[in-house]
Amino acid sequence: MDKLYRLLDWLTLSQAVDWLETLTQTKISDWNLLQLCESGQCAAYIESSGLDGVSADFAHSVVSGIGKQKVLNPIELLDCGEPKERVLNLFGLALVQEITEALPSSDDHTQEMELDWCAKTSMYHLSALFKRAEVEALASKMNGENKQSADTRTEIQKLYSQLNCLQLQLRDEDKKFAESELNPIQTAKIKRLEEALAAANARAEQAEKALTNVAELTKSKEADSQLHQIQNQTQAAVIDRLGQALAEANARAEQAEKALTKAAEATESNAESASQWFNKPAANQPSNNHRPYLLTIAGLLSLLLDRKRPNYNQGSAAKAIAQKGWHGAGERQVNDLFAKANAAAKDATSDAIAKAIEVQEGNATRPTEG
């Protein structure tokens, strides 16, 4: 099959696994290849003809795929050929049609572009596809790491061989010294042999440590890539979900600051009444139940507006907000709110897909006016 694979531009999942095993001499399963795709080591695609969905960038439009699309959550392709429904996150060339009451199918409201979009579809008729060139590039990367480990092992073997030779020489010298009296020349020779033996031992230990580091680094790179992708997706979803409330958070923060200033300036004689005024929420002020949400949004806004901000993930963003010392915005509380926001974002995406499909079906069944 080698000659056939080299002439093909696209491979199925089984062909890609077979070709990767041949090139790397490593046993690989369908799950292993899709895991590598999930961590960004390779890309997976599907044929999108007849597939419709929605995009977050075009809220009132239906997106129809054109040709092959890159799958951004490739682990879902493990269910290809099964009578199961999945939501696939895609990127590629697509037709975006705006849904309007007056002109539901007008060409003036249709445009073709590359974009991120998602579609809920049955996996029964879908097949995972891979570019042959990308599979070969992945094989080269895997073989390069294996070659580095093999070179390190060869170096260790050479060092041990040198060590054995030195030990034999030292044994011969000991035998000679046992049969004759020691002299300065022999003493110096023994010292040089001992120093060379110690240096060879040290180099062998360093080589073994290097080999261990190579193996650990290989595993660490894969884990870091998967973690970074998950963190980026989580952070983007949270920021997108909370971004609409940033202006309101600013106003609430200013109101809280004014209230704190007024309470601090109150005299001892009216301290009790000032405390009662502050603790009682006004009609246009948030209740204590809303305070953690607003403080979390205000904290995210301050992080976003910092031009010198580092690359935050969900955990580091929660820690940075907690360090501000705001009551009600501790690290555990902020992480709980992030989890709720992620769940809300997921529900909103599902609702948007269902709504777009419902509108599209309603337009399809609407009678044509003569």
Protein backbone atom coordinates (compact mmCIF):
# COMPACT_ATOMS: atom_id res chain seq x y z
CA MET A 1 0.00 0.00 0.00
CA ASP A 2 3.01 2.33 0.35
CA LYS A 3 3.06 3.20 -3.36
CA LEU A 4 -0.69 3.89 -3.32
CA TYR A 5 -0.58 6.15 -0.25
CA ARG A 6 2.19 8.29 -1.76
CA LEU A 7 -0.08 9.11 -4.73
CA LEU A 8 -3.14 10.09 -2.66
CA ASP A 9 -3.79 13.63 -1.43
CA TRP A 10 -6.41 12.57 1.14
CA LEU A 11 -6.54 9.51 3.43
CA THR A 12 -9.34 8.00 5.49
CA LEU A 13 -8.87 7.38 9.21
CA SER A 14 -7.88 3.73 8.72
CA GLN A 15 -5.50 4.62 5.86
CA ALA A 16 -3.90 7.42 7.88
CA VAL A 17 -3.32 5.09 10.86
CA ASP A 18 -1.85 2.39 8.57
CA TRP A 19 0.45 4.89 6.82
CA LEU A 20 1.60 6.42 10.14
CA GLU A 21 2.37 2.96 11.56
CA THR A 22 4.40 2.12 8.43
CA LEU A 23 6.41 5.35 8.55
CA THR A 24 7.15 5.24 12.31
CA GLN A 25 7.23 1.47 12.94
CA THR A 26 4.97 2.18 15.93
CA LYS A 27 1.63 0.59 16.84
CA ILE A 28 -1.05 3.32 16.63
CA SER A 29 -4.85 3.14 17.12
CA ASP A 30 -7.62 5.37 15.76
CA TRP A 31 -7.93 6.87 19.23
CA ASN A 32 -4.18 7.64 19.35
CA LEU A 33 -4.29 9.53 16.03
CA LEU A 34 -7.35 11.57 17.04
CA GLN A 35 -5.64 12.40 20.36
CA LEU A 36 -2.65 13.73 18.42
CA CYS A 37 -5.06 15.82 16.33
CA GLU A 38 -6.77 17.10 19.49
CA SER A 39 -3.37 18.27 20.82
CA GLY A 40 -2.59 20.13 17.59
CA GLN A 41 0.00 17.71 16.17
CA CYS A 42 -2.09 17.02 13.04
CA ALA A 43 -5.40 18.15 11.51
CA ALA A 44 -8.59 16.18 10.75
CA TYR A 45 -11.25 17.13 8.19
CA ILE A 46 -14.73 16.18 6.97
CA GLU A 47 -16.65 16.68 3.73
CA SER A 48 -19.30 19.33 4.53
CA SER A 49 -21.58 19.17 1.49
CA GLY A 50 -25.21 19.45 2.66
CA LEU A 51 -24.17 20.40 6.20
CA ASP A 52 -25.76 23.52 7.77
CA GLY A 53 -25.05 25.24 11.05
CA VAL A 54 -24.49 28.59 12.76
CA SER A 55 -21.63 30.94 13.61
CA ALA A 56 -21.15 33.15 16.66
CA ASP A 57 -20.01 35.96 14.33
CA PHE A 58 -23.35 35.97 12.43
CA ALA A 59 -26.15 35.57 14.96
CA HIS A 60 -29.06 35.74 12.49
CA SER A 61 -27.59 33.69 9.65
CA VAL A 62 -27.39 30.09 8.49
CA VAL A 63 -23.95 28.75 7.54
CA SER A 64 -23.64 26.08 4.81
CA GLY A 65 -20.30 24.31 4.39
CA ILE A 66 -18.46 24.30 1.05
CA GLY A 67 -16.07 21.40 0.47
CA LYS A 68 -13.81 20.04 3.18
CA GLN A 69 -13.77 21.61 6.65
CA LYS A 70 -11.15 21.39 9.40
CA VAL A 71 -12.62 19.84 12.57
CA LEU A 72 -11.63 21.79 15.70
CA ASN A 73 -12.86 19.07 18.11
CA PRO A 74 -11.51 16.02 16.22
CA ILE A 75 -11.98 13.56 19.10
CA GLU A 76 -15.71 13.52 18.17
CA LEU A 77 -14.77 11.87 14.84
CA LEU A 78 -14.29 8.60 16.72
CA ASP A 79 -18.10 8.18 16.33
CA CYS A 80 -18.03 8.45 12.51
CA GLY A 81 -20.28 5.78 10.99
CA GLU A 82 -22.37 5.52 14.17
CA PRO A 83 -26.05 6.62 14.41
CA LYS A 84 -25.18 9.33 16.93
CA GLU A 85 -25.62 13.11 16.87
CA ARG A 86 -22.69 15.35 17.71
CA VAL A 87 -21.94 19.10 17.58
CA LEU A 88 -18.82 19.64 15.44
CA ASN A 89 -16.76 22.83 15.63
CA LEU A 90 -15.50 23.58 12.10
CA PHE A 91 -13.32 26.00 10.16
CA GLY A 92 -13.32 26.48 6.40
CA LEU A 93 -14.98 28.02 3.38
CA ALA A 94 -18.75 28.38 3.84
CA LEU A 95 -21.81 30.21 2.53
CA VAL A 96 -23.36 32.62 5.09
CA GLN A 97 -27.04 33.45 4.42
CA GLU A 98 -28.72 36.11 6.52
CA ILE A 99 -32.22 35.22 7.72
CA THR A 100 -34.70 38.08 7.20
CA GLU A 101 -38.49 38.35 7.22
CA ALA A 102 -38.77 40.08 3.87
CA LEU A 103 -36.06 38.37 1.84
CA PRO A 104 -35.29 34.96 3.35
CA SER A 105 -33.34 33.74 0.30
CA SER A 106 -32.10 36.91 -1.39
CA ASP A 107 -28.63 36.81 -2.95
CA ASP A 108 -28.00 40.28 -1.48
CA HIS A 109 -27.94 38.67 1.98
CA THR A 110 -25.57 35.81 1.06
CA GLN A 111 -21.76 35.86 1.23
CA GLU A 112 -18.96 33.32 0.90
CA MET A 113 -16.04 33.35 3.36
CA GLU A 114 -13.76 31.33 5.62
CA LEU A 115 -14.92 31.31 9.24
CA ASP A 116 -15.37 29.31 12.45
CA TRP A 117 -18.82 27.72 12.73
CA CYS A 118 -20.55 24.73 14.27
CA ALA A 119 -23.13 22.20 13.14
CA LYS A 120 -25.21 19.55 14.90
CA THR A 121 -25.28 16.48 12.68
CA SER A 122 -25.60 12.71 12.60
CA MET A 123 -22.23 10.95 12.43
CA TYR A 124 -23.62 8.02 10.45
CA HIS A 125 -22.69 9.32 6.99
CA LEU A 126 -19.52 11.22 7.98
CA SER A 127 -15.93 10.05 7.49
CA ALA A 128 -12.75 11.48 9.01
CA LEU A 129 -10.24 12.66 6.39
CA PHE A 130 -6.53 13.52 6.65
CA LYS A 131 -4.04 15.22 4.35
CA ARG A 132 -1.32 12.76 3.37
CA ALA A 133 1.36 15.47 3.60
CA GLU A 134 0.33 16.32 7.19
CA VAL A 135 0.40 12.65 8.21
CA GLU A 136 3.92 12.35 6.78
CA ALA A 137 4.99 15.53 8.63
CA LEU A 138 3.67 14.01 11.89
CA ALA A 139 5.63 10.82 11.19
CA SER A 140 8.82 12.85 10.63
CA LYS A 141 8.30 14.60 13.95
CA MET A 142 7.81 11.29 15.76
CA ASN A 143 10.84 9.71 14.06
CA GLY A 144 12.97 12.74 14.92
CA GLU A 145 12.28 12.29 18.64
CA ASN A 146 13.02 8.57 18.40
CA LYS A 147 16.33 9.30 16.63
CA GLN A 148 17.37 11.70 19.38
CA SER A 149 16.74 9.01 22.02
CA ALA A 150 18.64 6.42 19.95
CA ASP A 151 21.64 8.75 19.57
CA THR A 152 21.71 9.29 23.33
CA ARG A 153 21.66 5.53 23.97
CA THR A 154 24.52 5.05 21.51
CA GLU A 155 26.55 7.68 23.35
CA ILE A 156 25.91 5.89 26.65
CA GLN A 157 27.08 2.60 25.17
CA LYS A 158 30.30 4.25 23.96
CA LEU A 159 30.93 5.71 27.40
CA TYR A 160 30.44 2.36 29.11
CA SER A 161 32.79 0.74 26.60
CA GLN A 162 35.48 3.33 27.44
CA LEU A 163 34.80 2.75 31.13
CA ASN A 164 35.35 -1.00 30.79
CA CYS A 165 38.67 -0.44 28.97
CA LEU A 166 39.87 1.88 31.73
CA GLN A 167 38.88 -0.64 34.38
CA LEU A 168 40.86 -3.37 32.60
CA GLN A 169 43.93 -1.13 32.36
CA LEU A 170 43.69 -0.27 36.03
CA ARG A 171 43.40 -3.97 36.94
CA ASP A 172 46.55 -4.74 34.91
CA GLU A 173 48.46 -1.94 36.59
CA ASP A 174 47.37 -3.17 40.03
CA LYS A 175 48.66 -6.63 39.15
CA LYS A 176 52.02 -5.22 38.05
CA PHE A 177 52.34 -3.12 41.19
CA ALA A 178 51.61 -6.17 43.33
CA GLU A 179 54.58 -7.95 41.70
CA SER A 180 57.04 -5.05 41.91
CA GLU A 181 57.86 -2.10 44.06
CA LEU A 182 56.08 1.18 43.43
CA ASN A 183 57.98 4.05 41.81
CA PRO A 184 56.95 7.67 41.08
CA ILE A 185 56.21 6.94 37.41
CA GLN A 186 53.84 4.07 38.23
CA THR A 187 52.19 6.13 40.96
CA ALA A 188 51.51 8.98 38.53
CA LYS A 189 50.16 6.52 35.95
CA ILE A 190 47.73 5.05 38.50
CA LYS A 191 46.54 8.52 39.42
CA ARG A 192 45.85 9.41 35.77
CA LEU A 193 43.93 6.16 35.26
CA GLU A 194 41.82 6.81 38.35
CA GLU A 195 41.04 10.36 37.19
CA ALA A 196 40.07 9.08 33.72
CA LEU A 197 37.86 6.41 35.31
CA ALA A 198 36.08 9.00 37.49
CA ALA A 199 35.53 11.29 34.46
CA ALA A 200 34.08 8.39 32.42
CA ASN A 201 31.70 7.53 35.27
CA ALA A 202 30.52 11.14 35.46
CA ARG A 203 29.91 11.33 31.68
CA ALA A 204 27.93 8.08 31.75
CA GLU A 205 25.71 9.40 34.54
CA GLN A 206 25.13 12.67 32.64
CA ALA A 207 24.17 10.75 29.49
CA GLU A 208 21.65 8.62 31.41
CA LYS A 209 20.10 11.78 32.90
CA ALA A 210 19.90 13.34 29.43
CA LEU A 211 18.06 10.29 28.10
CA THR A 212 15.58 10.47 30.98
CA ASN A 213 15.05 14.19 30.36
CA VAL A 214 14.36 13.56 26.65
CA ALA A 215 11.64 11.02 27.50
CA GLU A 216 10.06 13.30 30.11
CA LEU A 217 10.22 16.31 27.77
CA THR A 218 8.42 14.38 25.00
CA LYS A 219 5.55 13.50 27.36
CA SER A 220 5.52 17.04 28.79
CA LYS A 221 5.19 18.65 25.34
CA GLU A 222 2.09 16.57 24.52
CA ALA A 223 0.48 17.29 27.90
CA ASP A 224 1.29 21.04 27.71
CA SER A 225 -0.20 21.27 24.21
CA GLN A 226 -3.48 19.63 25.29
CA LEU A 227 -3.68 21.75 28.47
CA HIS A 228 -2.94 24.98 26.56
CA GLN A 229 -5.69 24.26 24.02
CA ILE A 230 -8.25 23.49 26.74
CA GLN A 231 -7.25 26.61 28.70
CA ASN A 232 -7.53 28.84 25.62
CA GLN A 233 -10.98 27.45 24.74
CA THR A 234 -12.20 27.87 28.34
CA GLN A 235 -10.82 31.41 28.69
CA ALA A 236 -12.31 32.49 25.35
CA ALA A 237 -15.76 31.11 26.26
CA VAL A 238 -15.78 32.85 29.65
CA ILE A 239 -14.63 36.22 28.29
CA ASP A 240 -17.15 36.06 25.42
CA ARG A 241 -19.98 35.22 27.82
CA LEU A 242 -19.15 37.99 30.31
CA GLY A 243 -18.02 40.65 27.86
CA GLN A 244 -21.58 41.99 27.38
CA ALA A 245 -21.76 43.01 31.05
CA LEU A 246 -18.46 44.93 31.31
CA ALA A 247 -20.06 48.41 31.10
CA GLU A 248 -22.55 47.56 33.83
CA ALA A 249 -19.73 46.20 36.00
CA ASN A 250 -17.89 49.55 35.77
CA ALA A 251 -20.99 51.42 36.94
CA ARG A 252 -21.55 49.00 39.82
CA ALA A 253 -17.90 49.28 40.89
CA GLU A 254 -18.13 53.10 40.94
CA GLN A 255 -21.32 52.96 43.05
CA ALA A 256 -19.64 50.60 45.53
CA GLU A 257 -16.60 52.92 45.77
CA LYS A 258 -18.81 55.96 46.44
CA ALA A 259 -20.73 54.06 49.12
CA LEU A 260 -17.49 53.00 50.85
CA THR A 261 -16.23 56.63 50.81
CA LYS A 262 -19.46 57.94 52.27
CA ALA A 263 -19.46 55.33 55.05
CA ALA A 264 -15.80 56.15 55.95
CA GLU A 265 -16.59 59.89 56.25
CA ALA A 266 -19.53 59.31 58.59
CA THR A 267 -19.03 60.56 62.17
CA GLU A 268 -19.19 58.38 65.26
CA SER A 269 -22.54 59.92 66.23
CA ASN A 270 -24.31 58.67 63.13
CA ALA A 271 -22.11 55.56 62.57
CA GLU A 272 -24.97 53.19 63.29
CA SER A 273 -27.37 54.87 60.84
CA ALA A 274 -24.65 55.08 58.17
CA SER A 275 -23.96 51.37 58.61
CA GLN A 276 -27.66 50.58 58.20
CA TRP A 277 -27.82 52.71 55.03
CA PHE A 278 -24.81 50.96 53.54
CA ASN A 279 -26.00 47.42 54.32
CA LYS A 280 -29.45 48.01 52.88
CA PRO A 281 -29.33 47.61 49.06
CA ALA A 282 -30.85 50.51 47.14
CA ALA A 283 -33.34 50.03 44.33
CA ASN A 284 -30.68 50.52 41.67
CA GLN A 285 -27.90 48.67 43.49
CA PRO A 286 -27.10 44.92 43.24
CA SER A 287 -27.99 42.54 46.06
CA ASN A 288 -25.30 40.62 47.94
CA ASN A 289 -26.20 37.58 45.82
CA HIS A 290 -25.07 39.48 42.70
CA ARG A 291 -21.90 40.90 44.24
CA PRO A 292 -19.56 37.94 43.37
CA TYR A 293 -20.76 38.01 39.73
CA LEU A 294 -20.15 41.74 39.37
CA LEU A 295 -16.77 41.64 41.09
CA THR A 296 -15.69 38.77 38.82
CA ILE A 297 -16.73 40.78 35.74
CA ALA A 298 -14.95 43.89 37.06
CA GLY A 299 -11.82 41.80 37.73
CA LEU A 300 -11.88 40.36 34.19
CA LEU A 301 -12.28 43.89 32.79
CA SER A 302 -9.21 45.12 34.67
CA LEU A 303 -7.19 42.14 33.37
CA LEU A 304 -8.34 42.75 29.78
CA LEU A 305 -7.54 46.50 29.92
CA ASP A 306 -4.01 45.84 31.19
CA ARG A 307 -1.87 46.10 28.04
CA LYS A 308 1.04 44.40 29.77
CA ARG A 309 -1.07 41.46 30.97
CA PRO A 310 0.42 37.95 30.81
CA ASN A 311 -1.28 35.05 28.98
CA TYR A 312 -3.99 34.06 31.47
CA ASN A 313 -5.74 30.73 31.76
CA GLN A 314 -8.82 30.12 33.89
CA GLY A 315 -6.84 29.26 37.02
CA SER A 316 -4.39 32.17 36.81
CA ALA A 317 -7.21 34.63 35.99
CA ALA A 318 -9.15 33.51 39.08
CA LYS A 319 -6.02 33.84 41.22
CA ALA A 320 -5.30 37.35 39.87
CA ILE A 321 -8.86 38.49 40.68
CA ALA A 322 -8.70 36.94 44.17
CA GLN A 323 -5.45 38.85 44.88
CA LYS A 324 -7.38 42.14 44.66
CA GLY A 325 -8.78 41.33 48.10
CA TRP A 326 -12.46 41.98 47.25
CA HIS A 327 -14.88 40.35 49.67
CA GLY A 328 -17.02 37.87 47.72
CA ALA A 329 -14.44 37.35 44.96
CA GLY A 330 -12.15 34.68 46.42
CA GLU A 331 -10.33 32.24 44.15
CA ARG A 332 -12.76 29.38 44.83
CA GLN A 333 -15.81 31.63 44.27
CA VAL A 334 -14.42 32.99 41.00
CA ASN A 335 -13.66 29.46 39.74
CA ASP A 336 -17.24 28.43 40.62
CA LEU A 337 -18.58 31.39 38.60
CA PHE A 338 -16.32 30.46 35.66
CA ALA A 339 -17.77 26.93 35.72
CA LYS A 340 -21.32 28.34 35.72
CA ALA A 341 -20.43 30.71 32.88
CA ASN A 342 -18.99 27.83 30.82
CA ALA A 343 -22.17 25.83 31.34
CA ALA A 344 -24.31 28.85 30.40
CA ALA A 345 -22.21 29.43 27.25
CA LYS A 346 -22.65 25.80 26.25
CA ASP A 347 -26.44 26.02 26.76
CA ALA A 348 -26.59 29.30 24.80
CA THR A 349 -24.73 27.73 21.87
CA SER A 350 -27.16 24.79 21.81
CA ASP A 351 -30.14 27.21 21.97
CA ALA A 352 -28.71 29.30 19.11
CA ILE A 353 -28.28 26.21 16.93
CA ALA A 354 -31.80 25.02 17.68
CA LYS A 355 -33.23 28.49 16.99
CA ALA A 356 -31.41 28.84 13.66
CA ILE A 357 -32.55 25.40 12.54
CA GLU A 358 -36.14 26.20 13.61
CA VAL A 359 -36.10 29.47 11.62
CA GLN A 360 -34.60 27.73 8.60
CA GLU A 361 -37.27 24.99 8.68
CA GLY A 362 -39.98 27.65 9.03
CA ASN A 363 -38.67 29.48 5.97
CA ALA A 364 -38.49 26.25 4.00
CA THR A 365 -42.14 25.41 4.71
CA ARG A 366 -43.48 28.97 4.07
CA PRO A 367 -45.64 29.02 0.88
CA THR A 368 -44.28 31.02 -2.06
CA GLU A 369 -46.29 34.14 -2.92
CA GLY A 370 -47.43 34.30 -6.52
